[in-house]
Amino acid sequence: MKYLFLVYVMIFIVIYLIEENIIHIDINYINYKIKNNMKYRLDNPKYTKFVDKLQFKEYCKSKGVDTIKTLKIYEQKDYDNINFNELPYKFILKSNKASGRNFIIKKNIKKKSLNGIVNKCPNSYIKLRNDISGWGDIYRLQEPQYEHTKPKIFSEELIEPNPINIRLYYLNYKLKLIIVYVNNIKVLYDENKNRLNIQGDMKEYNGKTVLDNMSNDKFKELISISDKLASDLDLDFFTVDIYYINNKFYGGEITLSPDRGNTKFNYI
C-alpha cells in the first residue's frame, strides 16, 4: 500500500506539472544554461557567424531565408565619414557587433541633412556621432561571443510599422517555447502553438496574436525556417528571432545569451 500511495503521488505531481506547463521549472534551467554557457562556452569564434549581424544575413541567405534589406556597409573606423545624403529618408543605422547598438533615423529630404533621430538621441547628430564612435568597443565581458566580431556599421531598410517579432527558444537542441511580442509584451506558446498561461511581463495581454490567427501550414513554415537557422548551431540553448512582415518570414537574429540568464516569466 505504501508503494501504491507513492505511485499515486507521483502521478498527481506529473499531472500538476503538465497542467502548469512546467515552464516555471524550465525557466530556471534555461537561465542556468545561459549563465553556464557565458562562463564556459561562448568565448569561441565559431559562434561569430550567428552573432555578427552581417555574417548572420549571409548565413540566412545560405539557408534560403530572406532578411531585411541592407543599404550600405561601413568600416567602424569610418564612422565619421558616413554620407547621409546617399541614404533614404528613413532607415536604421546599426552595428554588426553586440546588441542594442542601433538608431532609427529620419532625414529632411529637401535639406538632405539629419534633422531627427527617433531612437535614443532626438535631434542630436553630435550624440549619434559620439555613440557610434564606440560601437567597436567591448560590449559586455560576460558575453564574450561578441568579441570575435570585426566591428562594422551598416544601414538597413526601416520597416514601418514595426515588424512582428517571433522568438523561438531552443533547449537541448529542441524547440521548447515560442514568444510573440505584442507592444513589448511577451505572449508565450509551446512548440505546438498552444498558448500558455504565462507571460514574460507584468502586463497582461488577453487579445489574439499573429500566432493565434496563423494557419497550420503557415505555422509549419515558421518552424521549418527557424529549424533551418538553428540547424548548424552546436549549443544547448539559444533563441532564433523571426520577423513576420506582410505574411512573409524574415531571419532576424540568433541570441546566445538572452537577458544574460535573468529571464522571468509570470502566471496570468
C-alpha atoms as a PDB file:
ATOM      1  CA  MET A   1       0.000   0.000   0.000  1.00  0.00           C
ATOM      2  CA  LYS A   2       2.874   2.346   0.808  1.00  0.00           C
ATOM      3  CA  TYR A   3       4.366   1.990  -2.678  1.00  0.00           C
ATOM      4  CA  LEU A   4       0.964   2.325  -4.321  1.00  0.00           C
ATOM      5  CA  PHE A   5       0.439   5.562  -2.446  1.00  0.00           C
ATOM      6  CA  LEU A   6       3.782   6.874  -3.692  1.00  0.00           C
ATOM      7  CA  VAL A   7       2.839   5.976  -7.259  1.00  0.00           C
ATOM      8  CA  TYR A   8      -0.404   7.958  -6.938  1.00  0.00           C
ATOM      9  CA  VAL A   9       1.506  10.913  -5.505  1.00  0.00           C
ATOM     10  CA  MET A  10       3.974  10.850  -8.397  1.00  0.00           C
ATOM     11  CA  ILE A  11       1.155  10.663 -10.941  1.00  0.00           C
ATOM     12  CA  PHE A  12      -0.518  13.636  -9.290  1.00  0.00           C
ATOM     13  CA  ILE A  13       2.711  15.635  -9.410  1.00  0.00           C
ATOM     14  CA  VAL A  14       3.274  14.848 -13.085  1.00  0.00           C
ATOM     15  CA  ILE A  15      -0.298  15.850 -13.980  1.00  0.00           C
ATOM     16  CA  TYR A  16       0.050  19.046 -11.972  1.00  0.00           C
ATOM     17  CA  LEU A  17       3.290  19.988 -13.712  1.00  0.00           C
ATOM     18  CA  ILE A  18       1.799  19.322 -17.131  1.00  0.00           C
ATOM     19  CA  GLU A  19      -1.239  21.445 -16.319  1.00  0.00           C
ATOM     20  CA  GLU A  20       1.027  24.237 -15.089  1.00  0.00           C
ATOM     21  CA  ASN A  21       3.001  23.936 -18.356  1.00  0.00           C
ATOM     22  CA  ILE A  22       6.142  23.045 -16.381  1.00  0.00           C
ATOM     23  CA  ILE A  23       7.666  26.272 -17.685  1.00  0.00           C
ATOM     24  CA  HIS A  24       8.300  27.625 -14.176  1.00  0.00           C
ATOM     25  CA  ILE A  25      10.871  24.833 -13.750  1.00  0.00           C
ATOM     26  CA  ASP A  26      12.293  25.173 -17.238  1.00  0.00           C
ATOM     27  CA  ILE A  27      12.984  28.904 -16.984  1.00  0.00           C
ATOM     28  CA  ASN A  28      15.305  28.300 -14.041  1.00  0.00           C
ATOM     29  CA  TYR A  29      17.015  25.601 -16.043  1.00  0.00           C
ATOM     30  CA  ILE A  30      17.233  27.888 -19.081  1.00  0.00           C
ATOM     31  CA  ASN A  31      18.775  30.665 -17.019  1.00  0.00           C
ATOM     32  CA  TYR A  32      21.287  28.179 -15.634  1.00  0.00           C
ATOM     33  CA  LYS A  33      22.182  27.067 -19.159  1.00  0.00           C
ATOM     34  CA  ILE A  34      22.684  30.647 -20.335  1.00  0.00           C
ATOM     35  CA  LYS A  35      24.938  31.600 -17.432  1.00  0.00           C
ATOM     36  CA  ASN A  36      26.920  28.394 -17.710  1.00  0.00           C
ATOM     37  CA  ASN A  37      27.417  28.932 -21.436  1.00  0.00           C
ATOM     38  CA  MET A  38      28.500  32.547 -20.936  1.00  0.00           C
ATOM     39  CA  LYS A  39      31.105  31.406 -18.444  1.00  0.00           C
ATOM     40  CA  TYR A  40      32.469  28.328 -20.184  1.00  0.00           C
ATOM     41  CA  ARG A  41      31.421  28.029 -23.839  1.00  0.00           C
ATOM     42  CA  LEU A  42      30.662  31.279 -25.667  1.00  0.00           C
ATOM     43  CA  ASP A  43      34.219  32.622 -25.917  1.00  0.00           C
ATOM     44  CA  ASN A  44      34.696  30.876 -29.249  1.00  0.00           C
ATOM     45  CA  PRO A  45      34.911  32.316 -32.798  1.00  0.00           C
ATOM     46  CA  LYS A  46      32.742  29.501 -34.175  1.00  0.00           C
ATOM     47  CA  TYR A  47      29.702  31.431 -32.967  1.00  0.00           C
ATOM     48  CA  THR A  48      30.586  34.587 -34.898  1.00  0.00           C
ATOM     49  CA  LYS A  49      28.537  33.738 -37.987  1.00  0.00           C
ATOM     50  CA  PHE A  50      25.464  33.628 -35.762  1.00  0.00           C
ATOM     51  CA  VAL A  51      26.033  36.768 -33.654  1.00  0.00           C
ATOM     52  CA  ASP A  52      27.718  39.047 -36.206  1.00  0.00           C
ATOM     53  CA  LYS A  53      24.632  40.684 -37.734  1.00  0.00           C
ATOM     54  CA  LEU A  54      26.162  40.943 -41.196  1.00  0.00           C
ATOM     55  CA  GLN A  55      27.531  37.411 -41.208  1.00  0.00           C
ATOM     56  CA  PHE A  56      24.146  36.212 -39.966  1.00  0.00           C
ATOM     57  CA  LYS A  57      22.496  37.773 -43.038  1.00  0.00           C
ATOM     58  CA  GLU A  58      24.857  35.745 -45.230  1.00  0.00           C
ATOM     59  CA  TYR A  59      24.114  32.644 -43.166  1.00  0.00           C
ATOM     60  CA  CYS A  60      20.387  33.194 -43.705  1.00  0.00           C
ATOM     61  CA  LYS A  61      20.988  33.575 -47.430  1.00  0.00           C
ATOM     62  CA  SER A  62      22.828  30.234 -47.493  1.00  0.00           C
ATOM     63  CA  LYS A  63      19.740  28.655 -45.911  1.00  0.00           C
ATOM     64  CA  GLY A  64      17.336  30.261 -48.383  1.00  0.00           C
ATOM     65  CA  VAL A  65      15.934  32.657 -45.761  1.00  0.00           C
ATOM     66  CA  ASP A  66      15.427  36.344 -46.570  1.00  0.00           C
ATOM     67  CA  THR A  67      16.486  39.184 -44.266  1.00  0.00           C
ATOM     68  CA  ILE A  68      15.628  42.874 -44.153  1.00  0.00           C
ATOM     69  CA  LYS A  69      17.497  44.759 -46.868  1.00  0.00           C
ATOM     70  CA  THR A  70      20.955  46.142 -46.068  1.00  0.00           C
ATOM     71  CA  LEU A  71      21.575  49.540 -47.672  1.00  0.00           C
ATOM     72  CA  LYS A  72      25.241  50.398 -47.011  1.00  0.00           C
ATOM     73  CA  ILE A  73      28.121  48.901 -45.024  1.00  0.00           C
ATOM     74  CA  TYR A  74      30.904  50.955 -43.443  1.00  0.00           C
ATOM     75  CA  GLU A  75      34.097  50.103 -41.595  1.00  0.00           C
ATOM     76  CA  GLN A  76      33.858  51.027 -37.920  1.00  0.00           C
ATOM     77  CA  LYS A  77      36.861  53.367 -38.272  1.00  0.00           C
ATOM     78  CA  ASP A  78      34.960  55.354 -40.908  1.00  0.00           C
ATOM     79  CA  TYR A  79      32.081  56.219 -38.571  1.00  0.00           C
ATOM     80  CA  ASP A  80      32.746  59.939 -39.068  1.00  0.00           C
ATOM     81  CA  ASN A  81      32.526  59.705 -42.849  1.00  0.00           C
ATOM     82  CA  ILE A  82      29.044  58.263 -43.296  1.00  0.00           C
ATOM     83  CA  ASN A  83      27.357  60.094 -46.156  1.00  0.00           C
ATOM     84  CA  PHE A  84      23.756  60.557 -45.093  1.00  0.00           C
ATOM     85  CA  ASN A  85      22.958  62.106 -48.473  1.00  0.00           C
ATOM     86  CA  GLU A  86      23.222  58.703 -50.166  1.00  0.00           C
ATOM     87  CA  LEU A  87      20.746  57.139 -47.751  1.00  0.00           C
ATOM     88  CA  PRO A  88      16.940  57.253 -47.953  1.00  0.00           C
ATOM     89  CA  TYR A  89      14.653  59.494 -45.945  1.00  0.00           C
ATOM     90  CA  LYS A  90      14.381  56.968 -43.120  1.00  0.00           C
ATOM     91  CA  PHE A  91      16.499  53.983 -42.188  1.00  0.00           C
ATOM     92  CA  ILE A  92      18.111  52.174 -39.277  1.00  0.00           C
ATOM     93  CA  LEU A  93      21.792  52.597 -38.504  1.00  0.00           C
ATOM     94  CA  LYS A  94      23.228  49.506 -36.770  1.00  0.00           C
ATOM     95  CA  SER A  95      26.392  47.912 -35.514  1.00  0.00           C
ATOM     96  CA  ASN A  96      27.047  44.333 -36.538  1.00  0.00           C
ATOM     97  CA  LYS A  97      28.523  43.768 -33.091  1.00  0.00           C
ATOM     98  CA  ALA A  98      26.601  43.152 -29.863  1.00  0.00           C
ATOM     99  CA  SER A  99      23.017  44.098 -29.036  1.00  0.00           C
ATOM    100  CA  GLY A 100      21.119  47.365 -28.776  1.00  0.00           C
ATOM    101  CA  ARG A 101      23.561  49.363 -30.888  1.00  0.00           C
ATOM    102  CA  ASN A 102      21.145  50.947 -33.344  1.00  0.00           C
ATOM    103  CA  PHE A 103      19.406  54.184 -34.202  1.00  0.00           C
ATOM    104  CA  ILE A 104      16.226  54.873 -36.133  1.00  0.00           C
ATOM    105  CA  ILE A 105      16.997  57.894 -38.281  1.00  0.00           C
ATOM    106  CA  LYS A 106      14.800  60.209 -40.328  1.00  0.00           C
ATOM    107  CA  LYS A 107      16.130  62.991 -42.504  1.00  0.00           C
ATOM    108  CA  ASN A 108      14.819  66.180 -44.016  1.00  0.00           C
ATOM    109  CA  ILE A 109      14.537  65.286 -47.706  1.00  0.00           C
ATOM    110  CA  LYS A 110      14.784  68.872 -49.001  1.00  0.00           C
ATOM    111  CA  LYS A 111      17.821  69.816 -46.957  1.00  0.00           C
ATOM    112  CA  LYS A 112      19.381  66.382 -47.260  1.00  0.00           C
ATOM    113  CA  SER A 113      20.557  66.699 -43.682  1.00  0.00           C
ATOM    114  CA  LEU A 114      19.965  64.869 -40.456  1.00  0.00           C
ATOM    115  CA  ASN A 115      17.163  66.534 -38.520  1.00  0.00           C
ATOM    116  CA  GLY A 116      15.645  63.838 -36.368  1.00  0.00           C
ATOM    117  CA  ILE A 117      16.871  60.720 -34.633  1.00  0.00           C
ATOM    118  CA  VAL A 118      13.873  58.892 -33.225  1.00  0.00           C
ATOM    119  CA  ASN A 119      15.691  56.311 -31.124  1.00  0.00           C
ATOM    120  CA  LYS A 120      17.934  57.263 -28.172  1.00  0.00           C
ATOM    121  CA  CYS A 121      19.051  60.749 -29.140  1.00  0.00           C
ATOM    122  CA  PRO A 122      16.393  63.022 -30.634  1.00  0.00           C
ATOM    123  CA  ASN A 123      17.692  65.915 -32.741  1.00  0.00           C
ATOM    124  CA  SER A 124      21.342  65.356 -31.848  1.00  0.00           C
ATOM    125  CA  TYR A 125      23.859  64.499 -34.536  1.00  0.00           C
ATOM    126  CA  ILE A 126      26.674  65.001 -32.021  1.00  0.00           C
ATOM    127  CA  LYS A 127      25.169  62.407 -29.684  1.00  0.00           C
ATOM    128  CA  LEU A 128      24.781  59.998 -32.603  1.00  0.00           C
ATOM    129  CA  ARG A 129      28.403  60.522 -33.658  1.00  0.00           C
ATOM    130  CA  ASN A 130      29.691  60.044 -30.116  1.00  0.00           C
ATOM    131  CA  ASP A 131      27.701  56.855 -29.639  1.00  0.00           C
ATOM    132  CA  ILE A 132      28.613  55.163 -32.906  1.00  0.00           C
ATOM    133  CA  SER A 133      32.278  56.010 -32.368  1.00  0.00           C
ATOM    134  CA  GLY A 134      32.234  53.484 -29.514  1.00  0.00           C
ATOM    135  CA  TRP A 135      30.345  50.698 -31.276  1.00  0.00           C
ATOM    136  CA  GLY A 136      33.585  48.811 -31.795  1.00  0.00           C
ATOM    137  CA  ASP A 137      34.374  48.759 -28.087  1.00  0.00           C
ATOM    138  CA  ILE A 138      33.970  45.768 -25.797  1.00  0.00           C
ATOM    139  CA  TYR A 139      30.271  45.122 -25.235  1.00  0.00           C
ATOM    140  CA  ARG A 140      29.989  43.091 -22.030  1.00  0.00           C
ATOM    141  CA  LEU A 141      32.753  40.901 -20.682  1.00  0.00           C
ATOM    142  CA  GLN A 142      30.194  38.310 -19.508  1.00  0.00           C
ATOM    143  CA  GLU A 143      29.012  37.897 -23.134  1.00  0.00           C
ATOM    144  CA  PRO A 144      32.308  37.033 -24.858  1.00  0.00           C
ATOM    145  CA  GLN A 145      30.697  35.712 -28.054  1.00  0.00           C
ATOM    146  CA  TYR A 146      30.529  39.261 -29.418  1.00  0.00           C
ATOM    147  CA  GLU A 147      34.238  39.981 -29.082  1.00  0.00           C
ATOM    148  CA  HIS A 148      35.200  37.823 -32.071  1.00  0.00           C
ATOM    149  CA  THR A 149      33.236  40.111 -34.402  1.00  0.00           C
ATOM    150  CA  LYS A 150      35.111  42.621 -36.545  1.00  0.00           C
ATOM    151  CA  PRO A 151      33.013  45.735 -35.904  1.00  0.00           C
ATOM    152  CA  LYS A 152      31.246  47.388 -38.807  1.00  0.00           C
ATOM    153  CA  ILE A 153      28.405  49.856 -39.194  1.00  0.00           C
ATOM    154  CA  PHE A 154      25.561  49.296 -41.622  1.00  0.00           C
ATOM    155  CA  SER A 155      22.333  50.946 -42.634  1.00  0.00           C
ATOM    156  CA  GLU A 156      19.191  48.897 -43.066  1.00  0.00           C
ATOM    157  CA  GLU A 157      15.758  49.480 -44.518  1.00  0.00           C
ATOM    158  CA  LEU A 158      13.296  50.779 -41.925  1.00  0.00           C
ATOM    159  CA  ILE A 159      10.084  48.732 -41.802  1.00  0.00           C
ATOM    160  CA  GLU A 160       7.021  50.617 -40.564  1.00  0.00           C
ATOM    161  CA  PRO A 161       5.018  49.746 -38.643  1.00  0.00           C
ATOM    162  CA  ASN A 162       7.459  47.662 -36.653  1.00  0.00           C
ATOM    163  CA  PRO A 163       7.621  44.055 -37.893  1.00  0.00           C
ATOM    164  CA  ILE A 164       6.113  41.353 -35.696  1.00  0.00           C
ATOM    165  CA  ASN A 165       8.894  39.670 -33.750  1.00  0.00           C
ATOM    166  CA  ILE A 166       8.566  35.939 -33.042  1.00  0.00           C
ATOM    167  CA  ARG A 167      11.251  34.418 -30.807  1.00  0.00           C
ATOM    168  CA  LEU A 168      11.767  30.648 -30.709  1.00  0.00           C
ATOM    169  CA  TYR A 169      13.610  29.056 -27.780  1.00  0.00           C
ATOM    170  CA  TYR A 170      15.797  26.005 -28.384  1.00  0.00           C
ATOM    171  CA  LEU A 171      16.749  23.971 -25.329  1.00  0.00           C
ATOM    172  CA  ASN A 172      18.938  20.877 -25.615  1.00  0.00           C
ATOM    173  CA  TYR A 173      18.675  21.130 -29.418  1.00  0.00           C
ATOM    174  CA  LYS A 174      14.865  21.033 -29.467  1.00  0.00           C
ATOM    175  CA  LEU A 175      12.287  23.775 -29.899  1.00  0.00           C
ATOM    176  CA  LYS A 176      10.809  24.330 -26.459  1.00  0.00           C
ATOM    177  CA  LEU A 177       8.993  27.659 -26.402  1.00  0.00           C
ATOM    178  CA  ILE A 178       7.717  30.424 -28.710  1.00  0.00           C
ATOM    179  CA  ILE A 179       7.245  34.059 -27.762  1.00  0.00           C
ATOM    180  CA  VAL A 180       5.280  36.627 -29.756  1.00  0.00           C
ATOM    181  CA  TYR A 181       5.945  40.271 -28.890  1.00  0.00           C
ATOM    182  CA  VAL A 182       2.829  42.449 -28.780  1.00  0.00           C
ATOM    183  CA  ASN A 183       3.524  46.082 -27.854  1.00  0.00           C
ATOM    184  CA  ASN A 184       6.590  44.915 -25.901  1.00  0.00           C
ATOM    185  CA  ILE A 185       4.511  42.303 -24.039  1.00  0.00           C
ATOM    186  CA  LYS A 186       5.733  38.716 -24.349  1.00  0.00           C
ATOM    187  CA  VAL A 187       2.969  36.213 -25.090  1.00  0.00           C
ATOM    188  CA  LEU A 188       4.103  32.601 -24.659  1.00  0.00           C
ATOM    189  CA  TYR A 189       3.262  29.417 -26.589  1.00  0.00           C
ATOM    190  CA  ASP A 190       4.567  25.870 -26.522  1.00  0.00           C
ATOM    191  CA  GLU A 191       6.184  24.290 -29.575  1.00  0.00           C
ATOM    192  CA  ASN A 192       2.757  23.172 -30.852  1.00  0.00           C
ATOM    193  CA  LYS A 193       1.248  26.676 -30.852  1.00  0.00           C
ATOM    194  CA  ASN A 194      -0.719  26.125 -27.641  1.00  0.00           C
ATOM    195  CA  ARG A 195      -0.939  29.346 -25.688  1.00  0.00           C
ATOM    196  CA  LEU A 196       0.477  29.138 -22.178  1.00  0.00           C
ATOM    197  CA  ASN A 197      -0.978  30.713 -19.062  1.00  0.00           C
ATOM    198  CA  ILE A 198       2.283  32.541 -18.504  1.00  0.00           C
ATOM    199  CA  GLN A 199       3.588  35.841 -19.847  1.00  0.00           C
ATOM    200  CA  GLY A 200       7.008  37.404 -19.867  1.00  0.00           C
ATOM    201  CA  ASP A 201       5.841  40.722 -18.418  1.00  0.00           C
ATOM    202  CA  MET A 202       3.786  42.084 -15.575  1.00  0.00           C
ATOM    203  CA  LYS A 203       1.287  43.492 -18.087  1.00  0.00           C
ATOM    204  CA  GLU A 204      -1.447  41.140 -19.180  1.00  0.00           C
ATOM    205  CA  TYR A 205      -2.426  40.681 -22.816  1.00  0.00           C
ATOM    206  CA  ASN A 206      -5.657  38.818 -23.493  1.00  0.00           C
ATOM    207  CA  GLY A 207      -6.068  39.576 -27.180  1.00  0.00           C
ATOM    208  CA  LYS A 208      -5.135  37.338 -30.068  1.00  0.00           C
ATOM    209  CA  THR A 209      -1.663  37.425 -31.599  1.00  0.00           C
ATOM    210  CA  VAL A 210      -0.477  36.625 -35.088  1.00  0.00           C
ATOM    211  CA  LEU A 211       0.231  33.088 -33.903  1.00  0.00           C
ATOM    212  CA  ASP A 212      -3.388  32.572 -32.811  1.00  0.00           C
ATOM    213  CA  ASN A 213      -4.573  33.579 -36.271  1.00  0.00           C
ATOM    214  CA  MET A 214      -1.871  31.726 -38.186  1.00  0.00           C
ATOM    215  CA  SER A 215      -2.898  28.725 -40.265  1.00  0.00           C
ATOM    216  CA  ASN A 216      -1.295  25.368 -39.520  1.00  0.00           C
ATOM    217  CA  ASP A 217       0.538  25.433 -42.861  1.00  0.00           C
ATOM    218  CA  LYS A 218       1.960  28.878 -42.136  1.00  0.00           C
ATOM    219  CA  PHE A 219       2.975  27.769 -38.662  1.00  0.00           C
ATOM    220  CA  LYS A 220       4.779  24.765 -40.147  1.00  0.00           C
ATOM    221  CA  GLU A 221       6.608  27.166 -42.470  1.00  0.00           C
ATOM    222  CA  LEU A 222       7.662  29.264 -39.463  1.00  0.00           C
ATOM    223  CA  ILE A 223       9.037  26.217 -37.658  1.00  0.00           C
ATOM    224  CA  SER A 224      10.775  24.993 -40.799  1.00  0.00           C
ATOM    225  CA  ILE A 225      12.566  28.323 -41.299  1.00  0.00           C
ATOM    226  CA  SER A 226      13.554  28.536 -37.641  1.00  0.00           C
ATOM    227  CA  ASP A 227      14.848  24.955 -37.656  1.00  0.00           C
ATOM    228  CA  LYS A 228      16.949  25.721 -40.735  1.00  0.00           C
ATOM    229  CA  LEU A 229      18.604  28.622 -38.963  1.00  0.00           C
ATOM    230  CA  ALA A 230      19.097  26.538 -35.817  1.00  0.00           C
ATOM    231  CA  SER A 231      20.494  23.510 -37.608  1.00  0.00           C
ATOM    232  CA  ASP A 232      24.193  24.468 -37.618  1.00  0.00           C
ATOM    233  CA  LEU A 233      24.389  25.785 -34.074  1.00  0.00           C
ATOM    234  CA  ASP A 234      26.094  23.395 -31.656  1.00  0.00           C
ATOM    235  CA  LEU A 235      24.839  24.813 -28.375  1.00  0.00           C
ATOM    236  CA  ASP A 236      22.366  23.558 -25.792  1.00  0.00           C
ATOM    237  CA  PHE A 237      20.472  26.840 -25.564  1.00  0.00           C
ATOM    238  CA  PHE A 238      19.790  29.764 -27.898  1.00  0.00           C
ATOM    239  CA  THR A 239      16.920  31.689 -29.429  1.00  0.00           C
ATOM    240  CA  VAL A 240      16.013  32.390 -33.051  1.00  0.00           C
ATOM    241  CA  ASP A 241      14.181  35.613 -33.891  1.00  0.00           C
ATOM    242  CA  ILE A 242      11.927  35.611 -36.958  1.00  0.00           C
ATOM    243  CA  TYR A 243      10.255  38.762 -38.293  1.00  0.00           C
ATOM    244  CA  TYR A 244       6.782  38.442 -39.810  1.00  0.00           C
ATOM    245  CA  ILE A 245       6.131  41.119 -42.438  1.00  0.00           C
ATOM    246  CA  ASN A 246       3.204  41.118 -44.869  1.00  0.00           C
ATOM    247  CA  ASN A 247       2.590  37.396 -44.488  1.00  0.00           C
ATOM    248  CA  LYS A 248       6.272  36.562 -45.047  1.00  0.00           C
ATOM    249  CA  PHE A 249       9.004  35.395 -42.651  1.00  0.00           C
ATOM    250  CA  TYR A 250      12.440  37.010 -42.428  1.00  0.00           C
ATOM    251  CA  GLY A 251      15.507  35.972 -40.470  1.00  0.00           C
ATOM    252  CA  GLY A 252      16.010  38.358 -37.570  1.00  0.00           C
ATOM    253  CA  GLU A 253      18.837  37.239 -35.315  1.00  0.00           C
ATOM    254  CA  ILE A 254      20.160  34.435 -33.157  1.00  0.00           C
ATOM    255  CA  THR A 255      20.785  35.230 -29.499  1.00  0.00           C
ATOM    256  CA  LEU A 256      23.003  33.005 -27.364  1.00  0.00           C
ATOM    257  CA  SER A 257      22.511  34.737 -24.019  1.00  0.00           C
ATOM    258  CA  PRO A 258      19.104  36.472 -23.851  1.00  0.00           C
ATOM    259  CA  ASP A 259      18.697  38.634 -20.744  1.00  0.00           C
ATOM    260  CA  ARG A 260      22.106  37.260 -19.643  1.00  0.00           C
ATOM    261  CA  GLY A 261      20.287  34.422 -17.886  1.00  0.00           C
ATOM    262  CA  ASN A 262      17.919  36.618 -15.873  1.00  0.00           C
ATOM    263  CA  THR A 263      14.653  35.910 -17.703  1.00  0.00           C
ATOM    264  CA  LYS A 264      11.478  35.920 -15.586  1.00  0.00           C
ATOM    265  CA  PHE A 265       8.002  34.741 -16.503  1.00  0.00           C
ATOM    266  CA  ASN A 266       4.739  35.453 -14.691  1.00  0.00           C
ATOM    267  CA  TYR A 267       1.496  33.490 -14.327  1.00  0.00           C
ATOM    268  CA  ILE A 268      -1.629  35.180 -15.639  1.00  0.00           C
END
